[in-house]
Amino acid sequence: MSTKKDVLAVLEKHRSKYISGQELADMLGISRTSVWKAVKTLEKDGYDISAAPNKGYRLSDDSDVLSQEGILSALSGAVKPPVIRILKTVDSTNNYAKKLALEGTPHGTLILAEEQIAGRGRYGKSFFSPRGTGLYMSIILRPEINTENVQMITIAAAVDVCMAVEDLMGLAPQIKWVNDIYLGGKKVCGILSEAEADLESGSIDYIIVGIGINCTTDGDEYPQELRGTAGSLGKTGVSRNELAAHIYRGIMRDFPRLAEKGLIEEYRARSMMSGKNIGFIYNGESRRAVVLDITDSGNLLVRCENGEELTLQGGDVSIGSNFC
């Protein structure tokens, strides 16, 4: 690693604590002048570093720049990504991940970006991804599952995002089937899972799990059409590196246990769908129904206004379409 990255790794590991320039120099086997130059370069890169006489250097709790060093520090003792790519700007982290997957990048590769200029959601919808206020990440998985179980990857990712927010921030997010996370009645996260399959064998070559979270995006920053529905986690004192690491740890833990009933129970416990009246399109026709349950396969069980029960395996539903 470069001197700058070495210094950053130490500051991330001891975030919010002062470390003297001499201590840094001794730890890294470099001169104090090299430490000082590295700190100045990091400050130019946007890191908030305090320097105090007789104390040394300290990475502020408010410093929130995505970095490999910050993620690895937060993953201490856990499975670490074999490859981490952090981009300043990208069209979509999922698009970038597809290119890496086709080049053979290994299972567990992690891609993050400070900004997406063409962030994508399901069914071609755009995902607003302004610079520096959101967490935009994709993970490349190469699990040994068939196409029937792909939806469970999204189920697991939704649970893992919720758990990360609960554990780190003490908040209580809910899941709107199948892939949106809500907080205080507003959408704060979308998940887009995309798979490349061998059609003859039905096996999966790779799966890309894309996660977009509005961390500190201010309401006035959203396009007019999103201001009534989009929200953010707010200023929680948790860095995006910490949040990304926590989510990554959860997904890498959960993808081998997709068939276990405990996972879908965790999903149900956080679902905002039970008993809700919804609208959806079925066989090209607009329908209305009430949600009865979420099946063990992650599908939505509903009862339509004519009494017919349906199991929805996918699609977009809107909450609040009354038919009573």
C-alpha atoms as a PDB file:
ATOM      1  CA  MET A   1       0.000   0.000   0.000  1.00  0.00           C
ATOM      2  CA  SER A   2       1.002   3.646  -0.380  1.00  0.00           C
ATOM      3  CA  THR A   3       2.020   5.757   2.615  1.00  0.00           C
ATOM      4  CA  LYS A   4      -1.289   7.612   2.385  1.00  0.00           C
ATOM      5  CA  LYS A   5      -3.277   4.369   2.547  1.00  0.00           C
ATOM      6  CA  ASP A   6      -1.131   3.048   5.381  1.00  0.00           C
ATOM      7  CA  VAL A   7      -1.763   6.190   7.442  1.00  0.00           C
ATOM      8  CA  LEU A   8      -5.467   6.084   6.647  1.00  0.00           C
ATOM      9  CA  ALA A   9      -5.699   2.438   7.708  1.00  0.00           C
ATOM     10  CA  VAL A  10      -4.271   3.295  11.136  1.00  0.00           C
ATOM     11  CA  LEU A  11      -6.487   6.352  11.568  1.00  0.00           C
ATOM     12  CA  GLU A  12      -9.569   4.317  10.597  1.00  0.00           C
ATOM     13  CA  LYS A  13      -8.665   1.574  13.054  1.00  0.00           C
ATOM     14  CA  HIS A  14      -8.350   4.151  15.848  1.00  0.00           C
ATOM     15  CA  ARG A  15     -11.101   6.495  14.639  1.00  0.00           C
ATOM     16  CA  SER A  16     -11.919   9.362  17.047  1.00  0.00           C
ATOM     17  CA  LYS A  17      -8.659   8.810  19.001  1.00  0.00           C
ATOM     18  CA  TYR A  18      -5.512  10.899  18.696  1.00  0.00           C
ATOM     19  CA  ILE A  19      -2.332   9.162  17.527  1.00  0.00           C
ATOM     20  CA  SER A  20       0.941  11.062  17.667  1.00  0.00           C
ATOM     21  CA  GLY A  21       2.933  11.655  14.532  1.00  0.00           C
ATOM     22  CA  GLN A  22       5.880   9.805  16.073  1.00  0.00           C
ATOM     23  CA  GLU A  23       3.698   6.814  16.930  1.00  0.00           C
ATOM     24  CA  LEU A  24       2.379   6.697  13.373  1.00  0.00           C
ATOM     25  CA  ALA A  25       5.897   6.962  12.019  1.00  0.00           C
ATOM     26  CA  ASP A  26       7.144   4.152  14.252  1.00  0.00           C
ATOM     27  CA  MET A  27       4.187   1.889  13.424  1.00  0.00           C
ATOM     28  CA  LEU A  28       4.658   2.318   9.684  1.00  0.00           C
ATOM     29  CA  GLY A  29       8.449   2.578   9.561  1.00  0.00           C
ATOM     30  CA  ILE A  30       8.436   6.010   7.918  1.00  0.00           C
ATOM     31  CA  SER A  31       9.472   9.534   8.867  1.00  0.00           C
ATOM     32  CA  ARG A  32       7.248  12.055  10.657  1.00  0.00           C
ATOM     33  CA  THR A  33       7.531  14.254   7.562  1.00  0.00           C
ATOM     34  CA  SER A  34       6.061  11.421   5.484  1.00  0.00           C
ATOM     35  CA  VAL A  35       3.219  11.112   7.987  1.00  0.00           C
ATOM     36  CA  TRP A  36       2.531  14.846   7.766  1.00  0.00           C
ATOM     37  CA  LYS A  37       2.512  14.759   3.933  1.00  0.00           C
ATOM     38  CA  ALA A  38       0.150  11.781   3.932  1.00  0.00           C
ATOM     39  CA  VAL A  39      -2.242  13.553   6.315  1.00  0.00           C
ATOM     40  CA  LYS A  40      -2.260  16.667   4.113  1.00  0.00           C
ATOM     41  CA  THR A  41      -3.042  14.546   1.045  1.00  0.00           C
ATOM     42  CA  LEU A  42      -5.885  12.806   2.887  1.00  0.00           C
ATOM     43  CA  GLU A  43      -7.332  16.174   3.875  1.00  0.00           C
ATOM     44  CA  LYS A  44      -7.295  17.227   0.221  1.00  0.00           C
ATOM     45  CA  ASP A  45      -9.180  14.021  -0.561  1.00  0.00           C
ATOM     46  CA  GLY A  46     -11.950  15.105   1.799  1.00  0.00           C
ATOM     47  CA  TYR A  47     -11.037  13.400   5.068  1.00  0.00           C
ATOM     48  CA  ASP A  48     -11.721  15.413   8.232  1.00  0.00           C
ATOM     49  CA  ILE A  49      -8.528  15.031  10.274  1.00  0.00           C
ATOM     50  CA  SER A  50      -7.789  17.038  13.404  1.00  0.00           C
ATOM     51  CA  ALA A  51      -4.214  17.861  14.365  1.00  0.00           C
ATOM     52  CA  ALA A  52      -3.405  18.972  17.925  1.00  0.00           C
ATOM     53  CA  PRO A  53      -0.052  19.788  19.569  1.00  0.00           C
ATOM     54  CA  ASN A  54       1.164  17.048  21.911  1.00  0.00           C
ATOM     55  CA  LYS A  55      -1.719  14.819  20.812  1.00  0.00           C
ATOM     56  CA  GLY A  56      -1.216  14.063  17.137  1.00  0.00           C
ATOM     57  CA  TYR A  57      -3.798  13.270  14.483  1.00  0.00           C
ATOM     58  CA  ARG A  58      -7.399  12.111  14.767  1.00  0.00           C
ATOM     59  CA  LEU A  59      -9.902  11.044  12.119  1.00  0.00           C
ATOM     60  CA  SER A  60     -13.167  12.769  12.990  1.00  0.00           C
ATOM     61  CA  ASP A  61     -16.319  10.753  13.638  1.00  0.00           C
ATOM     62  CA  ASP A  62     -17.976  12.994  11.041  1.00  0.00           C
ATOM     63  CA  SER A  63     -15.472  12.064   8.327  1.00  0.00           C
ATOM     64  CA  ASP A  64     -17.414   9.955   5.835  1.00  0.00           C
ATOM     65  CA  VAL A  65     -15.361   9.178   2.757  1.00  0.00           C
ATOM     66  CA  LEU A  66     -15.717   5.694   1.297  1.00  0.00           C
ATOM     67  CA  SER A  67     -12.428   3.814   1.476  1.00  0.00           C
ATOM     68  CA  GLN A  68     -11.068   0.303   1.366  1.00  0.00           C
ATOM     69  CA  GLU A  69      -9.228   1.000   4.605  1.00  0.00           C
ATOM     70  CA  GLY A  70     -12.405   2.089   6.369  1.00  0.00           C
ATOM     71  CA  ILE A  71     -14.329  -0.974   5.214  1.00  0.00           C
ATOM     72  CA  LEU A  72     -11.577  -3.421   6.137  1.00  0.00           C
ATOM     73  CA  SER A  73     -11.242  -1.796   9.551  1.00  0.00           C
ATOM     74  CA  ALA A  74     -14.974  -2.245  10.153  1.00  0.00           C
ATOM     75  CA  LEU A  75     -14.746  -5.874   8.993  1.00  0.00           C
ATOM     76  CA  SER A  76     -12.142  -6.765  11.594  1.00  0.00           C
ATOM     77  CA  GLY A  77     -12.461 -10.464  12.388  1.00  0.00           C
ATOM     78  CA  ALA A  78     -15.020 -11.089   9.611  1.00  0.00           C
ATOM     79  CA  VAL A  79     -14.848 -12.417   6.057  1.00  0.00           C
ATOM     80  CA  LYS A  80     -13.168  -9.799   3.898  1.00  0.00           C
ATOM     81  CA  PRO A  81     -13.874  -9.119   0.205  1.00  0.00           C
ATOM     82  CA  PRO A  82     -11.237 -10.596  -2.124  1.00  0.00           C
ATOM     83  CA  VAL A  83     -11.615  -7.479  -4.283  1.00  0.00           C
ATOM     84  CA  ILE A  84     -12.856  -3.999  -3.326  1.00  0.00           C
ATOM     85  CA  ARG A  85     -13.412  -1.317  -5.941  1.00  0.00           C
ATOM     86  CA  ILE A  86     -14.363   2.199  -4.858  1.00  0.00           C
ATOM     87  CA  LEU A  87     -15.375   4.611  -7.600  1.00  0.00           C
ATOM     88  CA  LYS A  88     -15.942   8.348  -7.469  1.00  0.00           C
ATOM     89  CA  THR A  89     -18.590   8.256 -10.194  1.00  0.00           C
ATOM     90  CA  VAL A  90     -20.165   5.389 -12.131  1.00  0.00           C
ATOM     91  CA  ASP A  91     -23.286   4.915 -14.214  1.00  0.00           C
ATOM     92  CA  SER A  92     -24.412   2.062 -11.957  1.00  0.00           C
ATOM     93  CA  THR A  93     -22.489  -0.155  -9.544  1.00  0.00           C
ATOM     94  CA  ASN A  94     -24.470  -3.126 -10.894  1.00  0.00           C
ATOM     95  CA  ASN A  95     -23.371  -2.341 -14.458  1.00  0.00           C
ATOM     96  CA  TYR A  96     -19.762  -2.106 -13.305  1.00  0.00           C
ATOM     97  CA  ALA A  97     -20.144  -5.345 -11.354  1.00  0.00           C
ATOM     98  CA  LYS A  98     -21.411  -7.157 -14.464  1.00  0.00           C
ATOM     99  CA  LYS A  99     -18.230  -6.263 -16.319  1.00  0.00           C
ATOM    100  CA  LEU A 100     -16.096  -7.581 -13.464  1.00  0.00           C
ATOM    101  CA  ALA A 101     -18.207 -10.748 -13.193  1.00  0.00           C
ATOM    102  CA  LEU A 102     -17.736 -11.487 -16.896  1.00  0.00           C
ATOM    103  CA  GLU A 103     -13.990 -11.039 -16.416  1.00  0.00           C
ATOM    104  CA  GLY A 104     -14.060 -13.734 -13.729  1.00  0.00           C
ATOM    105  CA  THR A 105     -13.743 -11.661 -10.553  1.00  0.00           C
ATOM    106  CA  PRO A 106     -14.172 -13.907  -7.499  1.00  0.00           C
ATOM    107  CA  HIS A 107     -17.145 -14.557  -5.261  1.00  0.00           C
ATOM    108  CA  GLY A 108     -17.567 -11.797  -2.700  1.00  0.00           C
ATOM    109  CA  THR A 109     -16.182  -8.919  -4.783  1.00  0.00           C
ATOM    110  CA  LEU A 110     -17.475  -5.568  -3.470  1.00  0.00           C
ATOM    111  CA  ILE A 111     -18.032  -2.413  -5.537  1.00  0.00           C
ATOM    112  CA  LEU A 112     -18.984   0.980  -4.090  1.00  0.00           C
ATOM    113  CA  ALA A 113     -19.402   4.441  -5.578  1.00  0.00           C
ATOM    114  CA  GLU A 114     -19.676   7.962  -4.203  1.00  0.00           C
ATOM    115  CA  GLU A 115     -22.175   8.773  -6.956  1.00  0.00           C
ATOM    116  CA  GLN A 116     -24.252   7.011  -9.615  1.00  0.00           C
ATOM    117  CA  ILE A 117     -25.316   8.969 -12.663  1.00  0.00           C
ATOM    118  CA  ALA A 118     -27.657   6.236 -13.917  1.00  0.00           C
ATOM    119  CA  GLY A 119     -28.617   4.291 -10.806  1.00  0.00           C
ATOM    120  CA  ARG A 120     -31.180   1.597 -11.553  1.00  0.00           C
ATOM    121  CA  GLY A 121     -34.048  -0.010  -9.702  1.00  0.00           C
ATOM    122  CA  ARG A 122     -36.396  -2.811 -10.724  1.00  0.00           C
ATOM    123  CA  TYR A 123     -38.310  -2.631 -14.007  1.00  0.00           C
ATOM    124  CA  GLY A 124     -36.030   0.049 -15.416  1.00  0.00           C
ATOM    125  CA  LYS A 125     -36.831   2.621 -12.746  1.00  0.00           C
ATOM    126  CA  SER A 126     -34.095   5.127 -11.928  1.00  0.00           C
ATOM    127  CA  PHE A 127     -32.561   5.444  -8.463  1.00  0.00           C
ATOM    128  CA  PHE A 128     -31.545   8.955  -7.406  1.00  0.00           C
ATOM    129  CA  SER A 129     -27.891   8.689  -6.318  1.00  0.00           C
ATOM    130  CA  PRO A 130     -26.305  12.053  -5.419  1.00  0.00           C
ATOM    131  CA  ARG A 131     -22.639  12.339  -4.513  1.00  0.00           C
ATOM    132  CA  GLY A 132     -21.522  11.702  -0.955  1.00  0.00           C
ATOM    133  CA  THR A 133     -24.913  11.301   0.761  1.00  0.00           C
ATOM    134  CA  GLY A 134     -25.808   7.714  -0.085  1.00  0.00           C
ATOM    135  CA  LEU A 135     -24.383   4.221   0.013  1.00  0.00           C
ATOM    136  CA  TYR A 136     -24.350   2.661  -3.456  1.00  0.00           C
ATOM    137  CA  MET A 137     -22.877  -0.828  -3.429  1.00  0.00           C
ATOM    138  CA  SER A 138     -22.925  -4.095  -5.363  1.00  0.00           C
ATOM    139  CA  ILE A 139     -21.721  -7.531  -4.316  1.00  0.00           C
ATOM    140  CA  ILE A 140     -20.851 -10.301  -6.783  1.00  0.00           C
ATOM    141  CA  LEU A 141     -21.917 -13.758  -5.605  1.00  0.00           C
ATOM    142  CA  ARG A 142     -21.246 -17.106  -7.221  1.00  0.00           C
ATOM    143  CA  PRO A 143     -23.499 -19.367  -5.147  1.00  0.00           C
ATOM    144  CA  GLU A 144     -24.388 -22.927  -6.080  1.00  0.00           C
ATOM    145  CA  ILE A 145     -28.147 -22.446  -6.405  1.00  0.00           C
ATOM    146  CA  ASN A 146     -30.660 -22.747  -9.223  1.00  0.00           C
ATOM    147  CA  THR A 147     -32.833 -20.012 -10.713  1.00  0.00           C
ATOM    148  CA  GLU A 148     -35.788 -20.937  -8.478  1.00  0.00           C
ATOM    149  CA  ASN A 149     -33.982 -19.621  -5.404  1.00  0.00           C
ATOM    150  CA  VAL A 150     -32.755 -16.303  -6.811  1.00  0.00           C
ATOM    151  CA  GLN A 151     -35.513 -14.294  -5.122  1.00  0.00           C
ATOM    152  CA  MET A 152     -34.279 -15.521  -1.753  1.00  0.00           C
ATOM    153  CA  ILE A 153     -31.033 -13.582  -2.348  1.00  0.00           C
ATOM    154  CA  THR A 154     -33.096 -10.378  -2.393  1.00  0.00           C
ATOM    155  CA  ILE A 155     -35.002 -11.565   0.682  1.00  0.00           C
ATOM    156  CA  ALA A 156     -31.711 -12.097   2.512  1.00  0.00           C
ATOM    157  CA  ALA A 157     -30.307  -8.731   1.405  1.00  0.00           C
ATOM    158  CA  ALA A 158     -33.408  -6.903   2.656  1.00  0.00           C
ATOM    159  CA  VAL A 159     -33.099  -8.589   6.044  1.00  0.00           C
ATOM    160  CA  ASP A 160     -29.376  -7.810   6.219  1.00  0.00           C
ATOM    161  CA  VAL A 161     -29.884  -4.120   5.413  1.00  0.00           C
ATOM    162  CA  CYS A 162     -32.533  -3.891   8.142  1.00  0.00           C
ATOM    163  CA  MET A 163     -30.315  -5.671  10.657  1.00  0.00           C
ATOM    164  CA  ALA A 164     -27.405  -3.350   9.892  1.00  0.00           C
ATOM    165  CA  VAL A 165     -29.569  -0.267  10.419  1.00  0.00           C
ATOM    166  CA  GLU A 166     -31.022  -1.735  13.615  1.00  0.00           C
ATOM    167  CA  ASP A 167     -27.677  -2.790  15.079  1.00  0.00           C
ATOM    168  CA  LEU A 168     -25.672   0.309  14.181  1.00  0.00           C
ATOM    169  CA  MET A 169     -28.290   3.049  14.477  1.00  0.00           C
ATOM    170  CA  GLY A 170     -31.043   1.729  16.718  1.00  0.00           C
ATOM    171  CA  LEU A 171     -33.679   2.469  14.076  1.00  0.00           C
ATOM    172  CA  ALA A 172     -36.576   0.194  13.075  1.00  0.00           C
ATOM    173  CA  PRO A 173     -36.850  -0.080   9.264  1.00  0.00           C
ATOM    174  CA  GLN A 174     -39.554  -2.113   7.537  1.00  0.00           C
ATOM    175  CA  ILE A 175     -39.612  -4.041   4.264  1.00  0.00           C
ATOM    176  CA  LYS A 176     -42.056  -3.383   1.444  1.00  0.00           C
ATOM    177  CA  TRP A 177     -42.252  -6.557  -0.605  1.00  0.00           C
ATOM    178  CA  VAL A 178     -40.070  -7.485  -2.132  1.00  0.00           C
ATOM    179  CA  ASN A 179     -37.045  -5.214  -2.208  1.00  0.00           C
ATOM    180  CA  ASP A 180     -37.664  -1.769  -0.688  1.00  0.00           C
ATOM    181  CA  ILE A 181     -36.753  -0.617   2.830  1.00  0.00           C
ATOM    182  CA  TYR A 182     -38.884   2.045   4.530  1.00  0.00           C
ATOM    183  CA  LEU A 183     -38.299   4.207   7.567  1.00  0.00           C
ATOM    184  CA  GLY A 184     -40.934   6.535   8.980  1.00  0.00           C
ATOM    185  CA  GLY A 185     -43.219   5.813   6.036  1.00  0.00           C
ATOM    186  CA  LYS A 186     -40.656   6.775   3.387  1.00  0.00           C
ATOM    187  CA  LYS A 187     -38.405   4.699   1.160  1.00  0.00           C
ATOM    188  CA  VAL A 188     -34.753   4.838   2.213  1.00  0.00           C
ATOM    189  CA  CYS A 189     -33.321   1.848   0.327  1.00  0.00           C
ATOM    190  CA  GLY A 190     -33.834  -0.146  -2.838  1.00  0.00           C
ATOM    191  CA  ILE A 191     -32.331  -3.521  -3.706  1.00  0.00           C
ATOM    192  CA  LEU A 192     -31.772  -4.845  -7.220  1.00  0.00           C
ATOM    193  CA  SER A 193     -30.583  -8.443  -7.632  1.00  0.00           C
ATOM    194  CA  GLU A 194     -29.571  -9.552 -11.114  1.00  0.00           C
ATOM    195  CA  ALA A 195     -28.497 -13.038 -12.181  1.00  0.00           C
ATOM    196  CA  GLU A 196     -26.746 -14.587 -15.156  1.00  0.00           C
ATOM    197  CA  ALA A 197     -27.952 -18.150 -15.681  1.00  0.00           C
ATOM    198  CA  ASP A 198     -27.130 -21.169 -17.802  1.00  0.00           C
ATOM    199  CA  LEU A 199     -30.496 -21.794 -19.439  1.00  0.00           C
ATOM    200  CA  GLU A 200     -29.737 -25.447 -20.225  1.00  0.00           C
ATOM    201  CA  SER A 201     -28.763 -26.485 -16.716  1.00  0.00           C
ATOM    202  CA  GLY A 202     -30.789 -23.905 -14.803  1.00  0.00           C
ATOM    203  CA  SER A 203     -27.723 -23.101 -12.712  1.00  0.00           C
ATOM    204  CA  ILE A 204     -26.527 -19.601 -11.822  1.00  0.00           C
ATOM    205  CA  ASP A 205     -23.205 -18.281 -13.134  1.00  0.00           C
ATOM    206  CA  TYR A 206     -23.264 -15.252 -10.863  1.00  0.00           C
ATOM    207  CA  ILE A 207     -25.630 -12.980  -8.966  1.00  0.00           C
ATOM    208  CA  ILE A 208     -25.130  -9.268  -8.428  1.00  0.00           C
ATOM    209  CA  VAL A 209     -26.827  -7.761  -5.385  1.00  0.00           C
ATOM    210  CA  GLY A 210     -27.133  -3.994  -5.774  1.00  0.00           C
ATOM    211  CA  ILE A 211     -28.077  -1.885  -2.755  1.00  0.00           C
ATOM    212  CA  GLY A 212     -28.794   1.831  -2.747  1.00  0.00           C
ATOM    213  CA  ILE A 213     -29.376   3.596   0.580  1.00  0.00           C
ATOM    214  CA  ASN A 214     -30.232   7.249   1.176  1.00  0.00           C
ATOM    215  CA  CYS A 215     -28.008   7.946   4.159  1.00  0.00           C
ATOM    216  CA  THR A 216     -28.000  11.707   4.701  1.00  0.00           C
ATOM    217  CA  THR A 217     -29.697  12.981   1.545  1.00  0.00           C
ATOM    218  CA  ASP A 218     -31.633  16.133   2.408  1.00  0.00           C
ATOM    219  CA  GLY A 219     -35.287  16.300   1.404  1.00  0.00           C
ATOM    220  CA  ASP A 220     -34.690  19.362  -0.753  1.00  0.00           C
ATOM    221  CA  GLU A 221     -32.118  17.450  -2.811  1.00  0.00           C
ATOM    222  CA  TYR A 222     -34.664  14.974  -4.148  1.00  0.00           C
ATOM    223  CA  PRO A 223     -36.362  15.577  -7.492  1.00  0.00           C
ATOM    224  CA  GLN A 224     -39.837  17.032  -7.038  1.00  0.00           C
ATOM    225  CA  GLU A 225     -41.554  13.730  -7.845  1.00  0.00           C
ATOM    226  CA  LEU A 226     -39.717  11.943  -5.003  1.00  0.00           C
ATOM    227  CA  ARG A 227     -40.071  14.458  -2.190  1.00  0.00           C
ATOM    228  CA  GLY A 228     -43.231  12.951  -0.774  1.00  0.00           C
ATOM    229  CA  THR A 229     -42.026   9.344  -0.851  1.00  0.00           C
ATOM    230  CA  ALA A 230     -38.219   9.285  -0.427  1.00  0.00           C
ATOM    231  CA  GLY A 231     -36.507   9.611   2.937  1.00  0.00           C
ATOM    232  CA  SER A 232     -33.080   9.025   4.448  1.00  0.00           C
ATOM    233  CA  LEU A 233     -31.484   7.455   7.520  1.00  0.00           C
ATOM    234  CA  GLY A 234     -30.375  10.884   8.734  1.00  0.00           C
ATOM    235  CA  LYS A 235     -27.202  11.888  10.540  1.00  0.00           C
ATOM    236  CA  THR A 236     -26.688   8.898  12.776  1.00  0.00           C
ATOM    237  CA  GLY A 237     -22.966   9.170  13.499  1.00  0.00           C
ATOM    238  CA  VAL A 238     -22.365   5.913  11.625  1.00  0.00           C
ATOM    239  CA  SER A 239     -20.035   6.088   8.642  1.00  0.00           C
ATOM    240  CA  ARG A 240     -20.955   4.653   5.264  1.00  0.00           C
ATOM    241  CA  ASN A 241     -17.900   2.389   5.545  1.00  0.00           C
ATOM    242  CA  GLU A 242     -19.317   0.887   8.741  1.00  0.00           C
ATOM    243  CA  LEU A 243     -22.749   0.446   7.191  1.00  0.00           C
ATOM    244  CA  ALA A 244     -21.333  -1.160   4.031  1.00  0.00           C
ATOM    245  CA  ALA A 245     -19.179  -3.524   6.083  1.00  0.00           C
ATOM    246  CA  HIS A 246     -22.104  -4.568   8.294  1.00  0.00           C
ATOM    247  CA  ILE A 247     -24.319  -5.280   5.281  1.00  0.00           C
ATOM    248  CA  TYR A 248     -21.541  -7.154   3.489  1.00  0.00           C
ATOM    249  CA  ARG A 249     -20.903  -9.312   6.563  1.00  0.00           C
ATOM    250  CA  GLY A 250     -24.594 -10.181   6.769  1.00  0.00           C
ATOM    251  CA  ILE A 251     -24.981 -11.106   3.110  1.00  0.00           C
ATOM    252  CA  MET A 252     -21.862 -13.282   3.092  1.00  0.00           C
ATOM    253  CA  ARG A 253     -23.178 -14.996   6.230  1.00  0.00           C
ATOM    254  CA  ASP A 254     -26.699 -15.524   4.928  1.00  0.00           C
ATOM    255  CA  PHE A 255     -26.307 -16.556   1.297  1.00  0.00           C
ATOM    256  CA  PRO A 256     -25.424 -20.184   2.222  1.00  0.00           C
ATOM    257  CA  ARG A 257     -28.598 -20.480   4.336  1.00  0.00           C
ATOM    258  CA  LEU A 258     -31.208 -19.258   1.863  1.00  0.00           C
ATOM    259  CA  ALA A 259     -33.309 -22.382   2.332  1.00  0.00           C
ATOM    260  CA  GLU A 260     -33.424 -22.087   6.123  1.00  0.00           C
ATOM    261  CA  LYS A 261     -36.798 -21.080   7.532  1.00  0.00           C
ATOM    262  CA  GLY A 262     -35.226 -18.678  10.007  1.00  0.00           C
ATOM    263  CA  LEU A 263     -34.349 -16.284   7.194  1.00  0.00           C
ATOM    264  CA  ILE A 264     -37.890 -15.891   5.892  1.00  0.00           C
ATOM    265  CA  GLU A 265     -39.115 -15.508   9.462  1.00  0.00           C
ATOM    266  CA  GLU A 266     -36.710 -12.591   9.908  1.00  0.00           C
ATOM    267  CA  TYR A 267     -38.140 -11.118   6.711  1.00  0.00           C
ATOM    268  CA  ARG A 268     -41.753 -11.557   7.842  1.00  0.00           C
ATOM    269  CA  ALA A 269     -40.963  -9.934  11.199  1.00  0.00           C
ATOM    270  CA  ARG A 270     -39.886  -6.756   9.384  1.00  0.00           C
ATOM    271  CA  SER A 271     -42.540  -6.771   6.661  1.00  0.00           C
ATOM    272  CA  MET A 272     -44.925  -3.827   6.399  1.00  0.00           C
ATOM    273  CA  MET A 273     -47.279  -5.789   4.129  1.00  0.00           C
ATOM    274  CA  SER A 274     -49.437  -7.916   6.428  1.00  0.00           C
ATOM    275  CA  GLY A 275     -53.134  -6.994   6.169  1.00  0.00           C
ATOM    276  CA  LYS A 276     -52.437  -4.123   3.764  1.00  0.00           C
ATOM    277  CA  ASN A 277     -54.691  -3.342   0.813  1.00  0.00           C
ATOM    278  CA  ILE A 278     -52.626  -3.273  -2.367  1.00  0.00           C
ATOM    279  CA  GLY A 279     -52.906  -2.694  -6.092  1.00  0.00           C
ATOM    280  CA  PHE A 280     -50.938  -4.600  -8.739  1.00  0.00           C
ATOM    281  CA  ILE A 281     -50.939  -5.776 -12.340  1.00  0.00           C
ATOM    282  CA  TYR A 282     -51.731  -9.446 -12.957  1.00  0.00           C
ATOM    283  CA  ASN A 283     -51.809 -10.917 -16.472  1.00  0.00           C
ATOM    284  CA  GLY A 284     -52.046  -7.396 -17.859  1.00  0.00           C
ATOM    285  CA  GLU A 285     -55.034  -6.498 -15.673  1.00  0.00           C
ATOM    286  CA  SER A 286     -55.146  -4.069 -12.743  1.00  0.00           C
ATOM    287  CA  ARG A 287     -56.137  -5.915  -9.588  1.00  0.00           C
ATOM    288  CA  ARG A 288     -56.741  -5.032  -5.951  1.00  0.00           C
ATOM    289  CA  ALA A 289     -56.267  -7.321  -2.993  1.00  0.00           C
ATOM    290  CA  VAL A 290     -55.471  -7.639   0.692  1.00  0.00           C
ATOM    291  CA  VAL A 291     -52.171  -9.205   1.760  1.00  0.00           C
ATOM    292  CA  LEU A 292     -52.582 -12.461   3.693  1.00  0.00           C
ATOM    293  CA  ASP A 293     -48.995 -13.617   4.166  1.00  0.00           C
ATOM    294  CA  ILE A 294     -45.518 -14.055   2.737  1.00  0.00           C
ATOM    295  CA  THR A 295     -44.807 -17.660   1.771  1.00  0.00           C
ATOM    296  CA  ASP A 296     -41.708 -19.623   2.730  1.00  0.00           C
ATOM    297  CA  SER A 297     -40.429 -18.987  -0.810  1.00  0.00           C
ATOM    298  CA  GLY A 298     -40.713 -15.233  -0.381  1.00  0.00           C
ATOM    299  CA  ASN A 299     -43.837 -14.839  -2.513  1.00  0.00           C
ATOM    300  CA  LEU A 300     -46.821 -12.666  -1.597  1.00  0.00           C
ATOM    301  CA  LEU A 301     -50.095 -14.413  -0.789  1.00  0.00           C
ATOM    302  CA  VAL A 302     -53.121 -12.163  -1.401  1.00  0.00           C
ATOM    303  CA  ARG A 303     -56.907 -12.344  -1.513  1.00  0.00           C
ATOM    304  CA  CYS A 304     -58.477 -10.365  -4.346  1.00  0.00           C
ATOM    305  CA  GLU A 305     -61.678  -8.367  -4.093  1.00  0.00           C
ATOM    306  CA  ASN A 306     -63.585 -11.235  -5.756  1.00  0.00           C
ATOM    307  CA  GLY A 307     -62.367 -13.668  -3.090  1.00  0.00           C
ATOM    308  CA  GLU A 308     -59.766 -15.333  -5.300  1.00  0.00           C
ATOM    309  CA  GLU A 309     -56.432 -16.083  -3.637  1.00  0.00           C
ATOM    310  CA  LEU A 310     -53.255 -15.512  -5.636  1.00  0.00           C
ATOM    311  CA  THR A 311     -49.566 -16.053  -4.992  1.00  0.00           C
ATOM    312  CA  LEU A 312     -47.488 -13.241  -6.486  1.00  0.00           C
ATOM    313  CA  GLN A 313     -43.959 -14.328  -7.368  1.00  0.00           C
ATOM    314  CA  GLY A 314     -42.813 -10.888  -8.495  1.00  0.00           C
ATOM    315  CA  GLY A 315     -44.015  -7.535  -9.694  1.00  0.00           C
ATOM    316  CA  ASP A 316     -44.568  -4.095  -8.270  1.00  0.00           C
ATOM    317  CA  VAL A 317     -47.333  -3.476  -5.755  1.00  0.00           C
ATOM    318  CA  SER A 318     -48.750  -0.225  -4.397  1.00  0.00           C
ATOM    319  CA  ILE A 319     -49.991  -0.019  -0.842  1.00  0.00           C
ATOM    320  CA  GLY A 320     -53.276   1.640   0.008  1.00  0.00           C
ATOM    321  CA  SER A 321     -55.506   0.610  -2.885  1.00  0.00           C
ATOM    322  CA  ASN A 322     -58.698  -0.055  -0.935  1.00  0.00           C
ATOM    323  CA  PHE A 323     -61.427  -2.293  -2.279  1.00  0.00           C
ATOM    324  CA  CYS A 324     -63.580  -2.704   0.848  1.00  0.00           C
END
